[in-house]
Amino acid sequence: MLSTTIAVLLQSAVLSASPTMTYEQAYAESEKTGKPLVVLVGAEWCPGCRVMKNTSMPQVKQDGVFQEVSFTTVDTDTQGEIARQVTGGGAIPQLVLFQRDGAGWKTEKLVGAQNPATIIKFLRKGVQAAVGRIANRE
């Protein structure tokens, strides 16, 4: 019984880290709200990608930073064209942060499996930069 309870809790933690938006929905939300767009690009066969998706990102979600960004994941095997556009064909996993910068997008990346503290710092920096740009326009 205990092992079943633990399995259910672990599954819930993994599912809670999964984005609720598709790439297209996250992009549209970012365009509408001005929030940075954050995309985790990976694949199921990639050990580092699984660590990011199933371990690091659920811990990052607990920090609350996901409320300040539009977050989604892209799988290189099922969404290859989007993955290539987002990563520029680079290694996975990649956590890519896009920020609106005038008429274009500014891009920053974390490549490889990262610990939650590094991810949170990366995302917070991106959120602060976005807030600064919005304040300067007003």
C-alpha atoms as a PDB file:
ATOM      1  CA  MET A   1       0.000   0.000   0.000  1.00  0.00           C
ATOM      2  CA  LEU A   2       2.801   2.414   0.874  1.00  0.00           C
ATOM      3  CA  SER A   3       4.547   1.771  -2.457  1.00  0.00           C
ATOM      4  CA  THR A   4       1.298   2.516  -4.312  1.00  0.00           C
ATOM      5  CA  THR A   5       0.881   5.786  -2.417  1.00  0.00           C
ATOM      6  CA  ILE A   6       4.468   6.797  -3.182  1.00  0.00           C
ATOM      7  CA  ALA A   7       4.008   5.930  -6.860  1.00  0.00           C
ATOM      8  CA  VAL A   8       0.849   8.070  -7.042  1.00  0.00           C
ATOM      9  CA  LEU A   9       2.611  11.008  -5.355  1.00  0.00           C
ATOM     10  CA  LEU A  10       5.603  10.758  -7.692  1.00  0.00           C
ATOM     11  CA  GLN A  11       3.343  10.594 -10.732  1.00  0.00           C
ATOM     12  CA  SER A  12       1.454  13.654  -9.491  1.00  0.00           C
ATOM     13  CA  ALA A  13       4.711  15.563  -9.052  1.00  0.00           C
ATOM     14  CA  VAL A  14       5.806  14.682 -12.584  1.00  0.00           C
ATOM     15  CA  LEU A  15       2.466  15.632 -14.091  1.00  0.00           C
ATOM     16  CA  SER A  16       2.352  18.906 -12.175  1.00  0.00           C
ATOM     17  CA  ALA A  17       5.623  19.967 -13.809  1.00  0.00           C
ATOM     18  CA  SER A  18       4.259  19.324 -17.267  1.00  0.00           C
ATOM     19  CA  PRO A  19       3.188  22.408 -19.110  1.00  0.00           C
ATOM     20  CA  THR A  20      -0.506  22.838 -19.678  1.00  0.00           C
ATOM     21  CA  MET A  21       0.070  24.763 -22.894  1.00  0.00           C
ATOM     22  CA  THR A  22       1.259  23.746 -26.318  1.00  0.00           C
ATOM     23  CA  TYR A  23       4.103  25.693 -27.884  1.00  0.00           C
ATOM     24  CA  GLU A  24       1.603  27.662 -29.945  1.00  0.00           C
ATOM     25  CA  GLN A  25      -0.494  28.527 -26.886  1.00  0.00           C
ATOM     26  CA  ALA A  26       2.561  29.558 -24.840  1.00  0.00           C
ATOM     27  CA  TYR A  27       3.815  31.715 -27.722  1.00  0.00           C
ATOM     28  CA  ALA A  28       0.416  33.405 -28.057  1.00  0.00           C
ATOM     29  CA  GLU A  29       0.240  34.013 -24.291  1.00  0.00           C
ATOM     30  CA  SER A  30       3.724  35.528 -24.330  1.00  0.00           C
ATOM     31  CA  GLU A  31       2.768  37.816 -27.203  1.00  0.00           C
ATOM     32  CA  LYS A  32      -0.417  38.907 -25.414  1.00  0.00           C
ATOM     33  CA  THR A  33       0.958  39.377 -21.886  1.00  0.00           C
ATOM     34  CA  GLY A  34       4.587  40.329 -22.477  1.00  0.00           C
ATOM     35  CA  LYS A  35       5.737  37.461 -20.253  1.00  0.00           C
ATOM     36  CA  PRO A  36       8.953  35.762 -21.372  1.00  0.00           C
ATOM     37  CA  LEU A  37       8.420  32.560 -23.338  1.00  0.00           C
ATOM     38  CA  VAL A  38      10.306  29.619 -21.820  1.00  0.00           C
ATOM     39  CA  VAL A  39      10.706  26.396 -23.779  1.00  0.00           C
ATOM     40  CA  LEU A  40      12.269  23.176 -22.510  1.00  0.00           C
ATOM     41  CA  VAL A  41      13.469  21.215 -25.542  1.00  0.00           C
ATOM     42  CA  GLY A  42      14.306  17.561 -25.065  1.00  0.00           C
ATOM     43  CA  ALA A  43      13.439  13.971 -25.895  1.00  0.00           C
ATOM     44  CA  GLU A  44      12.204  10.955 -23.948  1.00  0.00           C
ATOM     45  CA  TRP A  45      15.331   8.921 -24.827  1.00  0.00           C
ATOM     46  CA  CYS A  46      17.665  11.626 -23.448  1.00  0.00           C
ATOM     47  CA  PRO A  47      18.695  11.015 -19.789  1.00  0.00           C
ATOM     48  CA  GLY A  48      19.512  14.695 -19.134  1.00  0.00           C
ATOM     49  CA  CYS A  49      16.179  15.726 -20.637  1.00  0.00           C
ATOM     50  CA  ARG A  50      14.307  13.356 -18.335  1.00  0.00           C
ATOM     51  CA  VAL A  51      16.174  14.775 -15.327  1.00  0.00           C
ATOM     52  CA  MET A  52      15.205  18.308 -16.344  1.00  0.00           C
ATOM     53  CA  LYS A  53      11.563  17.453 -17.037  1.00  0.00           C
ATOM     54  CA  ASN A  54      10.899  15.040 -14.176  1.00  0.00           C
ATOM     55  CA  THR A  55      13.179  16.270 -11.384  1.00  0.00           C
ATOM     56  CA  SER A  56      14.488  19.811 -11.869  1.00  0.00           C
ATOM     57  CA  MET A  57      11.407  21.476 -13.360  1.00  0.00           C
ATOM     58  CA  PRO A  58       8.943  20.239 -10.685  1.00  0.00           C
ATOM     59  CA  GLN A  59      11.249  21.764  -8.049  1.00  0.00           C
ATOM     60  CA  VAL A  60      11.471  24.999 -10.047  1.00  0.00           C
ATOM     61  CA  LYS A  61       7.679  25.101 -10.275  1.00  0.00           C
ATOM     62  CA  GLN A  62       7.474  25.113  -6.475  1.00  0.00           C
ATOM     63  CA  ASP A  63       9.417  28.406  -6.479  1.00  0.00           C
ATOM     64  CA  GLY A  64       6.521  30.117  -8.288  1.00  0.00           C
ATOM     65  CA  VAL A  65       8.602  31.530 -11.146  1.00  0.00           C
ATOM     66  CA  PHE A  66       6.424  29.709 -13.718  1.00  0.00           C
ATOM     67  CA  GLN A  67       3.628  32.156 -12.902  1.00  0.00           C
ATOM     68  CA  GLU A  68       5.788  34.903 -14.408  1.00  0.00           C
ATOM     69  CA  VAL A  69       6.561  33.160 -17.712  1.00  0.00           C
ATOM     70  CA  SER A  70       4.772  31.303 -20.480  1.00  0.00           C
ATOM     71  CA  PHE A  71       6.221  27.779 -20.201  1.00  0.00           C
ATOM     72  CA  THR A  72       6.018  24.789 -22.495  1.00  0.00           C
ATOM     73  CA  THR A  73       8.033  21.782 -23.590  1.00  0.00           C
ATOM     74  CA  VAL A  74       8.974  20.653 -27.079  1.00  0.00           C
ATOM     75  CA  ASP A  75       9.957  17.071 -27.910  1.00  0.00           C
ATOM     76  CA  THR A  76      12.577  16.800 -30.650  1.00  0.00           C
ATOM     77  CA  ASP A  77      11.136  13.511 -31.905  1.00  0.00           C
ATOM     78  CA  THR A  78       7.522  14.626 -32.282  1.00  0.00           C
ATOM     79  CA  GLN A  79       8.025  18.365 -32.880  1.00  0.00           C
ATOM     80  CA  GLY A  80      11.295  18.343 -34.793  1.00  0.00           C
ATOM     81  CA  GLU A  81      10.780  21.524 -36.815  1.00  0.00           C
ATOM     82  CA  ILE A  82       9.822  23.617 -33.782  1.00  0.00           C
ATOM     83  CA  ALA A  83      12.717  22.086 -31.808  1.00  0.00           C
ATOM     84  CA  ARG A  84      15.199  23.047 -34.559  1.00  0.00           C
ATOM     85  CA  GLN A  85      13.826  26.584 -34.725  1.00  0.00           C
ATOM     86  CA  VAL A  86      13.967  27.034 -30.945  1.00  0.00           C
ATOM     87  CA  THR A  87      17.421  25.507 -30.400  1.00  0.00           C
ATOM     88  CA  GLY A  88      19.102  26.358 -33.679  1.00  0.00           C
ATOM     89  CA  GLY A  89      19.902  22.655 -33.959  1.00  0.00           C
ATOM     90  CA  GLY A  90      21.982  22.558 -30.780  1.00  0.00           C
ATOM     91  CA  ALA A  91      22.357  19.901 -28.107  1.00  0.00           C
ATOM     92  CA  ILE A  92      19.550  18.886 -25.758  1.00  0.00           C
ATOM     93  CA  PRO A  93      18.247  19.439 -23.204  1.00  0.00           C
ATOM     94  CA  GLN A  94      17.965  23.154 -23.743  1.00  0.00           C
ATOM     95  CA  LEU A  95      15.980  25.606 -21.694  1.00  0.00           C
ATOM     96  CA  VAL A  96      15.399  28.587 -23.962  1.00  0.00           C
ATOM     97  CA  LEU A  97      14.082  31.925 -22.732  1.00  0.00           C
ATOM     98  CA  PHE A  98      12.658  34.327 -25.311  1.00  0.00           C
ATOM     99  CA  GLN A  99      11.959  37.949 -24.429  1.00  0.00           C
ATOM    100  CA  ARG A 100      10.280  40.508 -26.649  1.00  0.00           C
ATOM    101  CA  ASP A 101      12.863  43.133 -27.585  1.00  0.00           C
ATOM    102  CA  GLY A 102      11.332  45.825 -29.765  1.00  0.00           C
ATOM    103  CA  ALA A 103      10.243  44.200 -32.998  1.00  0.00           C
ATOM    104  CA  GLY A 104      12.218  41.010 -32.362  1.00  0.00           C
ATOM    105  CA  TRP A 105      13.055  38.462 -29.710  1.00  0.00           C
ATOM    106  CA  LYS A 106      16.082  38.265 -27.430  1.00  0.00           C
ATOM    107  CA  THR A 107      17.133  34.682 -26.691  1.00  0.00           C
ATOM    108  CA  GLU A 108      19.054  33.171 -23.789  1.00  0.00           C
ATOM    109  CA  LYS A 109      19.767  29.466 -23.301  1.00  0.00           C
ATOM    110  CA  LEU A 110      20.781  26.955 -20.684  1.00  0.00           C
ATOM    111  CA  VAL A 111      22.219  23.834 -22.330  1.00  0.00           C
ATOM    112  CA  GLY A 112      22.443  20.478 -20.587  1.00  0.00           C
ATOM    113  CA  ALA A 113      20.803  19.187 -17.433  1.00  0.00           C
ATOM    114  CA  GLN A 114      20.732  21.925 -14.796  1.00  0.00           C
ATOM    115  CA  ASN A 115      19.958  21.990 -11.102  1.00  0.00           C
ATOM    116  CA  PRO A 116      16.849  23.833  -9.869  1.00  0.00           C
ATOM    117  CA  ALA A 117      18.809  26.722  -8.310  1.00  0.00           C
ATOM    118  CA  THR A 118      20.538  27.479 -11.627  1.00  0.00           C
ATOM    119  CA  ILE A 119      17.236  27.324 -13.511  1.00  0.00           C
ATOM    120  CA  ILE A 120      15.475  29.616 -11.029  1.00  0.00           C
ATOM    121  CA  LYS A 121      18.307  32.158 -11.211  1.00  0.00           C
ATOM    122  CA  PHE A 122      18.201  32.017 -15.039  1.00  0.00           C
ATOM    123  CA  LEU A 123      14.429  32.506 -15.145  1.00  0.00           C
ATOM    124  CA  ARG A 124      14.381  35.267 -12.507  1.00  0.00           C
ATOM    125  CA  LYS A 125      17.029  37.182 -14.457  1.00  0.00           C
ATOM    126  CA  GLY A 126      14.904  36.901 -17.611  1.00  0.00           C
ATOM    127  CA  VAL A 127      11.748  37.994 -15.814  1.00  0.00           C
ATOM    128  CA  GLN A 128      13.512  41.022 -14.297  1.00  0.00           C
ATOM    129  CA  ALA A 129      14.859  42.031 -17.710  1.00  0.00           C
ATOM    130  CA  ALA A 130      11.382  41.774 -19.220  1.00  0.00           C
ATOM    131  CA  VAL A 131       9.872  43.880 -16.433  1.00  0.00           C
ATOM    132  CA  GLY A 132      12.614  46.471 -16.934  1.00  0.00           C
ATOM    133  CA  ARG A 133      11.906  46.691 -20.667  1.00  0.00           C
ATOM    134  CA  ILE A 134       8.177  47.102 -20.078  1.00  0.00           C
ATOM    135  CA  ALA A 135       8.784  49.832 -17.465  1.00  0.00           C
ATOM    136  CA  ASN A 136      11.109  51.705 -19.846  1.00  0.00           C
ATOM    137  CA  ARG A 137       8.441  51.761 -22.569  1.00  0.00           C
ATOM    138  CA  GLU A 138       5.809  53.277 -20.270  1.00  0.00           C
END
